[in-house]
Amino acid sequence: MSKILIVEDNEMNRDMLSRRLQRKGFEVVMAVDGQAGVDMATAESPDLVLMDLSLPVMDGWEATRHLKADEATRNIPVIALTAHAMQGDEQKALEAGCDDYDTKPVNFSRLLEKINKYLA
C-alpha cells in the first residue's frame, strides 16, 4: 500500500482528500503547515506528497525546496495542489522542485491519474 502525505492547512480539504484516497487503498498521513510537512516527510518516508502552496509557518514552495535539498526526501514526488492558478504559478511551483502541479478545487480523477503516474 502506497503512503501519501497531504500537506494542507484547510481541514475540509484534508478530510475530503484523505477519505477519497483511503477509499482508493492509499495509506494517508497529514500535516497542517509547511514545517510539519517537512518533518512528517522525513519521519514517515511517504511515497508521494500532495503539497498545498499557501501554508502557515513555511509555505509550500519553501517546504518543497527543503524536501528536494535533503538526501532522505529528494526522490519523493511532490505534486503542488493549490488554488494558485494564475499565469506563472505552475512554473514557479516546478522551479521550487515540485514534480507536478494541480489546481483546486480538486478534480479527483485527474489528480488520481497524476498520483498513479508517479507511483507506477
C-alpha atoms as a PDB file:
ATOM      1  CA  MET A   1       0.000   0.000   0.000  1.00  0.00           C
ATOM      2  CA  SER A   2       1.440   3.373  -1.021  1.00  0.00           C
ATOM      3  CA  LYS A   3       1.668   6.120   1.571  1.00  0.00           C
ATOM      4  CA  ILE A   4       0.666   9.676   0.647  1.00  0.00           C
ATOM      5  CA  LEU A   5       1.462  12.730   2.750  1.00  0.00           C
ATOM      6  CA  ILE A   6      -1.123  15.508   2.450  1.00  0.00           C
ATOM      7  CA  VAL A   7       0.275  18.903   3.490  1.00  0.00           C
ATOM      8  CA  GLU A   8      -2.820  21.094   3.716  1.00  0.00           C
ATOM      9  CA  ASP A   9      -3.956  23.703   6.244  1.00  0.00           C
ATOM     10  CA  ASN A  10      -7.654  23.607   5.297  1.00  0.00           C
ATOM     11  CA  GLU A  11      -9.432  20.970   7.380  1.00  0.00           C
ATOM     12  CA  MET A  12     -12.223  20.356   4.845  1.00  0.00           C
ATOM     13  CA  ASN A  13      -9.705  19.820   2.037  1.00  0.00           C
ATOM     14  CA  ARG A  14      -7.622  17.459   4.209  1.00  0.00           C
ATOM     15  CA  ASP A  15     -10.700  15.480   5.216  1.00  0.00           C
ATOM     16  CA  MET A  16     -12.097  15.186   1.685  1.00  0.00           C
ATOM     17  CA  LEU A  17      -8.779  14.207   0.113  1.00  0.00           C
ATOM     18  CA  SER A  18      -7.772  11.770   2.836  1.00  0.00           C
ATOM     19  CA  ARG A  19     -11.121   9.935   2.772  1.00  0.00           C
ATOM     20  CA  ARG A  20     -11.134   9.641  -1.027  1.00  0.00           C
ATOM     21  CA  LEU A  21      -7.511   8.445  -1.138  1.00  0.00           C
ATOM     22  CA  GLN A  22      -8.096   5.914   1.654  1.00  0.00           C
ATOM     23  CA  ARG A  23     -11.076   4.530  -0.274  1.00  0.00           C
ATOM     24  CA  LYS A  24      -8.689   4.026  -3.217  1.00  0.00           C
ATOM     25  CA  GLY A  25      -6.415   1.954  -0.962  1.00  0.00           C
ATOM     26  CA  PHE A  26      -3.743   4.501  -0.031  1.00  0.00           C
ATOM     27  CA  GLU A  27      -2.345   4.988   3.448  1.00  0.00           C
ATOM     28  CA  VAL A  28      -2.630   8.698   4.276  1.00  0.00           C
ATOM     29  CA  VAL A  29      -0.648  10.848   6.711  1.00  0.00           C
ATOM     30  CA  MET A  30      -1.243  14.574   7.118  1.00  0.00           C
ATOM     31  CA  ALA A  31       0.460  17.797   8.108  1.00  0.00           C
ATOM     32  CA  VAL A  32      -1.169  21.201   8.609  1.00  0.00           C
ATOM     33  CA  ASP A  33       1.740  23.525   7.732  1.00  0.00           C
ATOM     34  CA  GLY A  34       4.914  23.506   5.674  1.00  0.00           C
ATOM     35  CA  GLN A  35       7.332  22.862   8.533  1.00  0.00           C
ATOM     36  CA  ALA A  36       5.197  19.985   9.809  1.00  0.00           C
ATOM     37  CA  GLY A  37       5.116  18.661   6.240  1.00  0.00           C
ATOM     38  CA  VAL A  38       8.912  18.631   6.010  1.00  0.00           C
ATOM     39  CA  ASP A  39       9.148  16.958   9.428  1.00  0.00           C
ATOM     40  CA  MET A  40       6.469  14.400   8.549  1.00  0.00           C
ATOM     41  CA  ALA A  41       8.089  13.576   5.194  1.00  0.00           C
ATOM     42  CA  THR A  42      11.377  12.921   6.975  1.00  0.00           C
ATOM     43  CA  ALA A  43       9.754  10.783   9.688  1.00  0.00           C
ATOM     44  CA  GLU A  44       7.232   8.879   7.559  1.00  0.00           C
ATOM     45  CA  SER A  45       9.042   8.463   4.193  1.00  0.00           C
ATOM     46  CA  PRO A  46       5.849   8.728   2.125  1.00  0.00           C
ATOM     47  CA  ASP A  47       5.750   7.521  -1.460  1.00  0.00           C
ATOM     48  CA  LEU A  48       4.292  10.852  -2.627  1.00  0.00           C
ATOM     49  CA  VAL A  49       3.482  14.301  -1.215  1.00  0.00           C
ATOM     50  CA  LEU A  50       0.456  16.448  -2.065  1.00  0.00           C
ATOM     51  CA  MET A  51       1.667  19.949  -1.176  1.00  0.00           C
ATOM     52  CA  ASP A  52      -0.579  22.960  -0.750  1.00  0.00           C
ATOM     53  CA  LEU A  53       1.441  26.079  -1.566  1.00  0.00           C
ATOM     54  CA  SER A  54      -0.284  28.640   0.678  1.00  0.00           C
ATOM     55  CA  LEU A  55       0.580  27.290   4.108  1.00  0.00           C
ATOM     56  CA  PRO A  56       1.274  28.807   7.513  1.00  0.00           C
ATOM     57  CA  VAL A  57       4.700  28.627   9.253  1.00  0.00           C
ATOM     58  CA  MET A  58       6.515  27.710   5.995  1.00  0.00           C
ATOM     59  CA  ASP A  59       4.826  27.980   2.590  1.00  0.00           C
ATOM     60  CA  GLY A  60       4.677  25.038   0.218  1.00  0.00           C
ATOM     61  CA  TRP A  61       7.302  26.438  -2.134  1.00  0.00           C
ATOM     62  CA  GLU A  62       9.853  26.637   0.691  1.00  0.00           C
ATOM     63  CA  ALA A  63       8.797  23.268   2.139  1.00  0.00           C
ATOM     64  CA  THR A  64       9.320  21.673  -1.287  1.00  0.00           C
ATOM     65  CA  ARG A  65      12.773  23.286  -1.579  1.00  0.00           C
ATOM     66  CA  HIS A  66      13.666  21.754   1.816  1.00  0.00           C
ATOM     67  CA  LEU A  67      12.420  18.303   0.737  1.00  0.00           C
ATOM     68  CA  LYS A  68      14.338  18.415  -2.550  1.00  0.00           C
ATOM     69  CA  ALA A  69      17.530  19.623  -0.835  1.00  0.00           C
ATOM     70  CA  ASP A  70      17.544  16.730   1.661  1.00  0.00           C
ATOM     71  CA  GLU A  71      19.129  13.444   0.581  1.00  0.00           C
ATOM     72  CA  ALA A  72      16.491  11.496   2.563  1.00  0.00           C
ATOM     73  CA  THR A  73      13.473  13.101   0.856  1.00  0.00           C
ATOM     74  CA  ARG A  74      14.667  14.442  -2.508  1.00  0.00           C
ATOM     75  CA  ASN A  75      13.324  11.489  -4.528  1.00  0.00           C
ATOM     76  CA  ILE A  76       9.784  11.675  -3.131  1.00  0.00           C
ATOM     77  CA  PRO A  77       7.474  13.040  -5.853  1.00  0.00           C
ATOM     78  CA  VAL A  78       5.743  16.278  -4.833  1.00  0.00           C
ATOM     79  CA  ILE A  79       2.515  17.368  -6.503  1.00  0.00           C
ATOM     80  CA  ALA A  80       1.633  21.009  -5.830  1.00  0.00           C
ATOM     81  CA  LEU A  81      -2.066  21.212  -5.079  1.00  0.00           C
ATOM     82  CA  THR A  82      -3.148  24.799  -4.977  1.00  0.00           C
ATOM     83  CA  ALA A  83      -5.685  27.491  -5.687  1.00  0.00           C
ATOM     84  CA  HIS A  84      -2.777  29.474  -7.222  1.00  0.00           C
ATOM     85  CA  ALA A  85      -3.852  29.173 -10.825  1.00  0.00           C
ATOM     86  CA  MET A  86      -2.540  32.439 -12.214  1.00  0.00           C
ATOM     87  CA  GLN A  87      -0.187  32.527 -15.186  1.00  0.00           C
ATOM     88  CA  GLY A  88       3.292  31.627 -13.991  1.00  0.00           C
ATOM     89  CA  ASP A  89       2.190  29.809 -10.814  1.00  0.00           C
ATOM     90  CA  GLU A  90       2.729  26.350 -12.297  1.00  0.00           C
ATOM     91  CA  GLN A  91       6.222  27.344 -13.467  1.00  0.00           C
ATOM     92  CA  LYS A  92       7.008  28.778 -10.021  1.00  0.00           C
ATOM     93  CA  ALA A  93       5.938  25.506  -8.374  1.00  0.00           C
ATOM     94  CA  LEU A  94       8.061  23.445 -10.775  1.00  0.00           C
ATOM     95  CA  GLU A  95      11.052  25.741 -10.186  1.00  0.00           C
ATOM     96  CA  ALA A  96      10.661  25.172  -6.418  1.00  0.00           C
ATOM     97  CA  GLY A  97      11.082  21.457  -7.104  1.00  0.00           C
ATOM     98  CA  CYS A  98       7.512  20.200  -7.418  1.00  0.00           C
ATOM     99  CA  ASP A  99       7.271  17.282  -9.828  1.00  0.00           C
ATOM    100  CA  ASP A 100       3.756  18.185 -10.932  1.00  0.00           C
ATOM    101  CA  TYR A 101       1.023  20.736 -10.363  1.00  0.00           C
ATOM    102  CA  ASP A 102      -2.745  20.574  -9.977  1.00  0.00           C
ATOM    103  CA  THR A 103      -5.348  23.152  -9.068  1.00  0.00           C
ATOM    104  CA  LYS A 104      -8.136  23.462  -6.539  1.00  0.00           C
ATOM    105  CA  PRO A 105     -10.943  22.777  -6.456  1.00  0.00           C
ATOM    106  CA  VAL A 106      -9.586  19.273  -6.875  1.00  0.00           C
ATOM    107  CA  ASN A 107     -10.599  17.258  -9.911  1.00  0.00           C
ATOM    108  CA  PHE A 108     -10.119  13.913  -8.139  1.00  0.00           C
ATOM    109  CA  SER A 109      -9.945  11.702 -11.237  1.00  0.00           C
ATOM    110  CA  ARG A 110      -7.278  13.945 -12.811  1.00  0.00           C
ATOM    111  CA  LEU A 111      -5.318  14.061  -9.528  1.00  0.00           C
ATOM    112  CA  LEU A 112      -5.564  10.282  -9.178  1.00  0.00           C
ATOM    113  CA  GLU A 113      -4.094   9.875 -12.689  1.00  0.00           C
ATOM    114  CA  LYS A 114      -1.123  12.026 -11.689  1.00  0.00           C
ATOM    115  CA  ILE A 115      -0.659  10.151  -8.399  1.00  0.00           C
ATOM    116  CA  ASN A 116      -0.737   6.782 -10.181  1.00  0.00           C
ATOM    117  CA  LYS A 117       1.766   8.040 -12.786  1.00  0.00           C
ATOM    118  CA  TYR A 118       4.315   8.856 -10.070  1.00  0.00           C
ATOM    119  CA  LEU A 119       3.688   5.687  -8.079  1.00  0.00           C
ATOM    120  CA  ALA A 120       3.886   3.350 -11.109  1.00  0.00           C
END
